[in-house]
C-alpha cells in the first residue's frame, strides 16, 4: 500500500487519483484544516472515495501516536509526503502553523519511516528554498541557505532533516522542489485562482512588485506524471541503492519563466474581461523571479514538462466555471 499525506490538498489529491487510475491501493491522510475552503477539500475527497482502492484517515501529522496506530494496522510500503502548511504570506502572520505541520509533522514522517522500515520516501519541497539566489536557472546543487520566508526555512529544514535520516538509517529519500504548480482543483490562495475569481466578479486583483515578477509556472498533470515516474522508477531505485547516502533532489519545473503581466493578459483573454489591478510594492518574503533548471530530471530520468501556460490556464478556467456552475 502507498501512503499519500495531504490527500485532500491540491497536489496530494491529483496524485492519489493518478495512483487509483493505475489500480494501486492508496491510503490517504489529511488533517482537513481550514487554511482554505473545507468544501473544496471535501469535494476532492469525495471523488477519491468513489474508488474502492482508496481509504481515508483524518490524521494530524503532529500526532505521532495516530500515525503509529495506522502503520500498525496497515501494511504500508511507500510514503509520498505532500502534507504541509503552504503559503509564503501566511507564514508571516501564522508562523506556529508552519512549526507544527512542517517541522513536527515532517519529523514524525521520518520517525515512522525509520521505525517501520519504510525504505522509499518521496517528499515535496519548494522553489522557495532558493531564496535570495541571483544565479538562474536554479539548479539542484545551488546553495539554499538564504530563505526569504519562514515557510521556505521550514522546507529547507525538511531537506536537511531528511538528508540526516538518509545517512543515519539508509532511508531512500527523494526530495522534489515544486515550482508554482497550477491547474484544476488548485488552491484558492494562489494567484491563478484569485485572479480568475476576482476578474470574473469584477473585483480588483492585487499585483505585487508592480507586476514585475516572473514565475516558472508548472502544470499539475506534468508534475503528477513526474512524481509517478519517480515513485516507480527502477533506474532511480538502483541509483539510490548504490549511493553511500541514498538521497536525491529534483526540480519539478517547466523551466520557462513567464512575466506576471503576461500571465494576467492570458487570463483576461480567456475570460474576455479586463482586470482591475491594484499595483502594490514587493511583498515581504517573496522572490522576484523563479526559474528552475529541469536538466537533471530530463537527463537522469527522461522526464519532460510539456503543458504551456495558455493551455494550462484554459484548463483551470474550464474547471473553475464547471465547479462553481458559472456560464
Protein backbone atom coordinates (compact mmCIF):
# COMPACT_ATOMS: atom_id res chain seq x y z
CA UNK A 1 0.00 0.00 0.00
CA UNK A 2 1.07 3.56 -0.73
CA UNK A 3 0.53 6.31 1.83
CA UNK A 4 -0.23 9.78 0.42
CA UNK A 5 -0.18 12.54 3.02
CA UNK A 6 -2.17 15.70 2.31
CA UNK A 7 -4.52 13.72 0.04
CA UNK A 8 -7.25 16.38 0.28
CA UNK A 9 -4.80 19.06 -0.86
CA UNK A 10 -4.21 20.17 -4.43
CA UNK A 11 -1.20 18.03 -5.40
CA UNK A 12 -1.98 15.17 -2.99
CA UNK A 13 -5.46 14.84 -4.46
CA UNK A 14 -4.23 14.67 -8.05
CA UNK A 15 -1.50 12.19 -7.18
CA UNK A 16 -3.91 9.92 -5.27
CA UNK A 17 -6.20 10.00 -8.30
CA UNK A 18 -3.28 9.02 -10.56
CA UNK A 19 -2.38 6.04 -8.38
CA UNK A 20 -6.01 4.88 -8.25
CA UNK A 21 -6.22 5.07 -12.06
CA UNK A 22 -3.30 2.62 -12.08
CA UNK A 23 -5.24 0.31 -9.75
CA UNK A 24 -2.88 0.92 -6.82
CA UNK A 25 -4.09 0.69 -3.22
CA UNK A 26 -3.88 4.12 -1.59
CA UNK A 27 -4.19 5.23 2.00
CA UNK A 28 -4.75 8.96 2.21
CA UNK A 29 -4.36 11.09 5.31
CA UNK A 30 -5.15 14.76 5.85
CA UNK A 31 -5.96 16.91 8.88
CA UNK A 32 -8.57 18.90 6.89
CA UNK A 33 -7.52 22.24 8.41
CA UNK A 34 -9.30 25.46 7.49
CA UNK A 35 -6.38 27.27 5.82
CA UNK A 36 -8.67 27.49 2.79
CA UNK A 37 -12.13 26.22 1.76
CA UNK A 38 -13.00 22.99 3.54
CA UNK A 39 -15.68 22.39 0.92
CA UNK A 40 -13.05 22.22 -1.82
CA UNK A 41 -11.01 19.71 0.21
CA UNK A 42 -14.07 17.58 0.97
CA UNK A 43 -15.14 17.61 -2.68
CA UNK A 44 -11.70 16.35 -3.70
CA UNK A 45 -12.00 13.62 -1.07
CA UNK A 46 -15.49 12.71 -2.28
CA UNK A 47 -14.05 11.98 -5.72
CA UNK A 48 -11.29 9.79 -4.28
CA UNK A 49 -13.70 7.85 -2.05
CA UNK A 50 -15.61 6.64 -5.12
CA UNK A 51 -12.72 4.22 -5.71
CA UNK A 52 -12.68 1.05 -3.57
CA UNK A 53 -8.87 1.05 -3.50
CA UNK A 54 -8.85 4.29 -1.50
CA UNK A 55 -9.04 4.57 2.28
CA UNK A 56 -9.06 7.92 4.08
CA UNK A 57 -7.98 8.66 7.66
CA UNK A 58 -8.26 12.08 9.26
CA UNK A 59 -4.89 12.41 10.98
CA UNK A 60 -2.79 15.38 12.01
CA UNK A 61 0.87 14.54 11.36
CA UNK A 62 1.94 16.35 14.52
CA UNK A 63 0.28 13.48 16.44
CA UNK A 64 2.77 10.61 16.24
CA UNK A 65 0.53 8.15 18.10
CA UNK A 66 -2.25 8.42 15.48
CA UNK A 67 0.31 7.82 12.75
CA UNK A 68 1.76 4.82 14.59
CA UNK A 69 -1.69 3.23 15.04
CA UNK A 70 -2.26 3.48 11.30
CA UNK A 71 1.09 1.88 10.46
CA UNK A 72 0.46 -0.97 12.90
CA UNK A 73 -2.89 -1.64 11.24
CA UNK A 74 -1.93 -1.26 7.55
CA UNK A 75 0.95 -2.71 5.55
CA UNK A 76 2.37 0.49 4.05
CA UNK A 77 5.42 0.11 1.81
CA UNK A 78 5.91 3.61 0.34
CA UNK A 79 5.28 7.16 1.57
CA UNK A 80 4.60 10.12 -0.71
CA UNK A 81 4.50 13.13 1.58
CA UNK A 82 2.71 16.27 0.34
CA UNK A 83 1.09 17.41 3.60
CA UNK A 84 2.45 20.78 4.72
CA UNK A 85 1.35 24.23 5.69
CA UNK A 86 1.82 26.10 2.43
CA UNK A 87 1.98 29.78 1.52
CA UNK A 88 4.71 32.38 1.88
CA UNK A 89 2.46 35.23 3.04
CA UNK A 90 0.53 33.20 5.61
CA UNK A 91 3.85 32.27 7.24
CA UNK A 92 4.35 35.95 8.13
CA UNK A 93 1.22 36.04 10.26
CA UNK A 94 0.89 32.39 11.40
CA UNK A 95 4.44 31.01 11.86
CA UNK A 96 3.38 28.47 14.51
CA UNK A 97 1.22 26.64 11.96
CA UNK A 98 4.41 26.01 9.95
CA UNK A 99 6.34 24.91 13.02
CA UNK A 100 3.65 22.33 13.82
CA UNK A 101 2.94 20.98 10.32
CA UNK A 102 6.24 21.37 8.52
CA UNK A 103 8.73 20.65 11.30
CA UNK A 104 7.00 18.47 13.92
CA UNK A 105 4.83 16.78 11.27
CA UNK A 106 7.77 16.06 8.99
CA UNK A 107 9.88 14.78 11.89
CA UNK A 108 7.08 12.29 12.64
CA UNK A 109 7.09 11.15 9.00
CA UNK A 110 10.83 10.48 9.20
CA UNK A 111 10.45 8.66 12.51
CA UNK A 112 7.62 6.48 11.22
CA UNK A 113 9.62 5.63 8.09
CA UNK A 114 12.58 4.63 10.26
CA UNK A 115 10.57 2.69 12.85
CA UNK A 116 8.50 0.75 10.30
CA UNK A 117 11.38 0.17 7.89
CA UNK A 118 9.80 2.14 5.02
CA UNK A 119 12.66 2.36 2.58
CA UNK A 120 11.06 4.63 -0.01
CA UNK A 121 10.09 8.20 0.92
CA UNK A 122 9.27 10.96 -1.56
CA UNK A 123 8.50 14.40 -0.16
CA UNK A 124 7.63 17.81 -1.51
CA UNK A 125 9.89 20.79 -1.06
CA UNK A 126 9.59 24.12 -2.87
CA UNK A 127 11.31 26.54 -5.20
CA UNK A 128 11.19 28.98 -2.25
CA UNK A 129 14.29 27.28 -0.78
CA UNK A 130 16.38 29.06 -3.45
CA UNK A 131 15.56 32.28 -1.60
CA UNK A 132 17.87 35.16 -2.48
CA UNK A 133 19.85 33.28 -5.15
CA UNK A 134 20.73 35.55 -8.08
CA UNK A 135 22.12 32.88 -10.41
CA UNK A 136 19.47 31.47 -12.74
CA UNK A 137 18.20 29.00 -13.62
CA UNK A 138 18.20 27.45 -10.13
CA UNK A 139 19.97 24.10 -10.08
CA UNK A 140 19.68 21.35 -7.50
CA UNK A 141 23.27 21.78 -6.31
CA UNK A 142 22.95 25.55 -5.77
CA UNK A 143 23.31 26.88 -2.23
CA UNK A 144 19.97 27.25 -0.43
CA UNK A 145 20.98 28.77 2.91
CA UNK A 146 19.25 32.15 2.47
CA UNK A 147 15.47 31.67 2.78
CA UNK A 148 13.31 34.78 2.39
CA UNK A 149 10.38 33.45 4.45
CA UNK A 150 9.73 31.19 7.42
CA UNK A 151 7.83 28.86 5.06
CA UNK A 152 10.99 28.47 2.95
CA UNK A 153 13.05 27.97 6.12
CA UNK A 154 10.81 25.08 7.24
CA UNK A 155 11.04 23.39 3.83
CA UNK A 156 14.82 23.79 3.76
CA UNK A 157 14.84 22.29 7.26
CA UNK A 158 12.88 19.31 5.89
CA UNK A 159 15.58 18.74 3.28
CA UNK A 160 18.34 18.81 5.91
CA UNK A 161 16.39 16.54 8.30
CA UNK A 162 15.68 14.04 5.52
CA UNK A 163 19.34 14.02 4.48
CA UNK A 164 20.37 13.22 8.07
CA UNK A 165 17.88 10.32 8.30
CA UNK A 166 19.02 9.06 4.92
CA UNK A 167 22.64 8.99 6.13
CA UNK A 168 21.89 7.59 9.59
CA UNK A 169 19.31 4.94 8.72
CA UNK A 170 19.75 4.24 5.00
CA UNK A 171 16.33 5.70 4.21
CA UNK A 172 15.82 6.13 0.45
CA UNK A 173 14.67 9.74 0.11
CA UNK A 174 13.73 11.74 -2.98
CA UNK A 175 13.12 15.46 -2.44
CA UNK A 176 11.04 17.30 -5.05
CA UNK A 177 11.26 21.08 -5.38
CA UNK A 178 7.97 22.25 -6.91
CA UNK A 179 7.85 25.43 -8.99
CA UNK A 180 4.49 27.32 -8.95
CA UNK A 181 2.23 24.35 -9.62
CA UNK A 182 -1.18 25.33 -11.04
CA UNK A 183 -4.23 23.75 -12.63
CA UNK A 184 -7.77 22.43 -11.94
CA UNK A 185 -8.70 21.91 -8.27
CA UNK A 186 -5.94 24.40 -7.36
CA UNK A 187 -5.64 26.29 -4.08
CA UNK A 188 -7.79 29.43 -3.62
CA UNK A 189 -4.84 31.31 -2.07
CA UNK A 190 -2.76 31.01 -5.27
CA UNK A 191 -2.57 33.73 -7.93
CA UNK A 192 -4.42 31.92 -10.73
CA UNK A 193 -7.44 31.10 -8.56
CA UNK A 194 -7.58 34.58 -7.01
CA UNK A 195 -7.14 36.38 -10.33
CA UNK A 196 -9.76 34.34 -12.19
CA UNK A 197 -12.27 34.70 -9.33
CA UNK A 198 -11.82 38.46 -8.93
CA UNK A 199 -11.73 39.27 -12.65
CA UNK A 200 -14.86 37.17 -13.15
CA UNK A 201 -16.59 39.00 -10.27
CA UNK A 202 -15.40 42.47 -11.44
CA UNK A 203 -13.23 42.89 -8.33
CA UNK A 204 -9.70 44.27 -8.16
CA UNK A 205 -6.69 41.97 -8.13
CA UNK A 206 -3.61 42.75 -6.02
CA UNK A 207 -0.41 42.57 -8.06
CA UNK A 208 2.78 42.81 -6.02
CA UNK A 209 6.12 44.23 -7.16
CA UNK A 210 4.07 46.21 -9.72
CA UNK A 211 3.75 43.06 -11.84
CA UNK A 212 7.49 42.72 -12.44
CA UNK A 213 7.69 39.17 -11.05
CA UNK A 214 8.49 36.18 -13.21
CA UNK A 215 7.26 32.71 -12.25
CA UNK A 216 8.14 29.26 -13.56
CA UNK A 217 4.54 28.05 -13.87
CA UNK A 218 4.41 24.24 -13.93
CA UNK A 219 1.16 22.49 -14.84
CA UNK A 220 -0.33 19.95 -12.45
CA UNK A 221 -0.50 16.97 -14.87
CA UNK A 222 3.19 17.43 -15.74
CA UNK A 223 4.03 17.41 -12.02
CA UNK A 224 1.87 14.35 -11.27
CA UNK A 225 3.33 12.38 -14.18
CA UNK A 226 6.81 13.24 -12.92
CA UNK A 227 6.08 12.12 -9.34
CA UNK A 228 4.52 8.90 -10.66
CA UNK A 229 7.60 8.12 -12.78
CA UNK A 230 9.90 8.87 -9.83
CA UNK A 231 7.96 6.61 -7.45
CA UNK A 232 8.15 3.59 -9.75
CA UNK A 233 11.48 4.33 -11.43
CA UNK A 234 13.80 1.30 -11.34
CA UNK A 235 16.77 3.35 -12.56
CA UNK A 236 16.38 5.77 -9.63
CA UNK A 237 15.85 2.89 -7.21
CA UNK A 238 19.13 1.32 -8.36
CA UNK A 239 20.89 4.70 -8.24
CA UNK A 240 19.79 5.31 -4.64
CA UNK A 241 20.79 1.77 -3.65
CA UNK A 242 24.32 2.35 -4.97
CA UNK A 243 24.78 5.73 -3.29
CA UNK A 244 26.58 5.97 0.04
CA UNK A 245 23.79 8.31 1.19
CA UNK A 246 20.56 7.40 -0.69
CA UNK A 247 19.24 10.96 -1.01
CA UNK A 248 18.27 12.80 -4.22
CA UNK A 249 16.83 16.22 -5.09
CA UNK A 250 14.98 17.10 -8.30
CA UNK A 251 13.47 20.36 -9.51
CA UNK A 252 9.97 19.93 -10.93
CA UNK A 253 9.85 22.96 -13.21
CA UNK A 254 8.81 23.70 -16.77
CA UNK A 255 11.94 25.86 -16.95
CA UNK A 256 10.20 28.62 -18.91
CA UNK A 257 9.50 31.54 -16.57
CA UNK A 258 6.72 33.93 -17.59
CA UNK A 259 6.13 37.56 -16.62
CA UNK A 260 3.21 38.12 -14.27
CA UNK A 261 1.91 40.71 -16.76
CA UNK A 262 1.81 38.00 -19.48
CA UNK A 263 0.04 35.65 -17.05
CA UNK A 264 -2.66 38.28 -16.40
CA UNK A 265 -3.08 39.06 -20.13
CA UNK A 266 -3.72 35.38 -20.89
CA UNK A 267 -6.37 35.21 -18.14
CA UNK A 268 -8.02 38.41 -19.48
CA UNK A 269 -8.10 36.95 -22.98
CA UNK A 270 -9.57 33.62 -21.84
CA UNK A 271 -12.24 35.33 -19.73
CA UNK A 272 -12.76 38.08 -22.31
CA UNK A 273 -12.66 40.59 -19.43
CA UNK A 274 -10.22 43.31 -18.43
CA UNK A 275 -8.63 43.05 -14.99
CA UNK A 276 -8.92 45.88 -12.47
CA UNK A 277 -5.43 45.96 -10.99
CA UNK A 278 -4.09 47.26 -7.66
CA UNK A 279 -0.34 47.56 -8.26
CA UNK A 280 1.48 47.14 -4.96
CA UNK A 281 5.13 47.15 -3.80
CA UNK A 282 7.16 43.99 -3.25
CA UNK A 283 5.64 41.73 -0.59
CA UNK A 284 7.94 40.70 2.24
CA UNK A 285 9.13 37.09 1.78
CA UNK A 286 8.54 36.93 -1.98
CA UNK A 287 11.21 36.06 -4.53
CA UNK A 288 11.39 38.37 -7.54
CA UNK A 289 11.84 35.60 -10.11
CA UNK A 290 11.70 31.81 -10.04
CA UNK A 291 13.36 29.78 -12.78
CA UNK A 292 14.16 26.12 -12.21
CA UNK A 293 16.53 24.09 -14.31
CA UNK A 294 15.00 20.74 -15.28
CA UNK A 295 18.13 19.42 -16.97
CA UNK A 296 18.85 16.91 -14.19
CA UNK A 297 15.41 15.28 -14.22
CA UNK A 298 15.40 15.13 -18.04
CA UNK A 299 18.87 13.65 -18.26
CA UNK A 300 18.65 11.16 -15.41
CA UNK A 301 15.00 10.07 -15.56
CA UNK A 302 13.78 11.14 -19.02
CA UNK A 303 11.02 13.30 -17.51
CA UNK A 304 9.69 16.26 -19.54
CA UNK A 305 7.24 19.10 -18.86
CA UNK A 306 5.01 19.77 -21.84
CA UNK A 307 1.91 21.84 -20.99
CA UNK A 308 2.21 25.51 -21.98
CA UNK A 309 0.83 28.33 -19.87
CA UNK A 310 -2.02 29.25 -22.22
CA UNK A 311 -3.41 25.69 -22.32
CA UNK A 312 -2.92 25.26 -18.58
CA UNK A 313 -4.86 28.46 -17.79
CA UNK A 314 -7.66 27.38 -20.18
CA UNK A 315 -7.93 24.04 -18.37
CA UNK A 316 -8.15 25.78 -15.00
CA UNK A 317 -10.81 28.24 -16.17
CA UNK A 318 -12.90 25.43 -17.66
CA UNK A 319 -12.72 23.57 -14.35
CA UNK A 320 -13.49 26.74 -12.34
CA UNK A 321 -16.62 27.51 -14.37
CA UNK A 322 -17.85 23.93 -14.12
CA UNK A 323 -17.12 23.60 -10.39
CA UNK A 324 -18.83 26.87 -9.50
CA UNK A 325 -21.60 26.32 -12.10
CA UNK A 326 -20.86 29.56 -13.96
CA UNK A 327 -21.91 30.42 -17.50
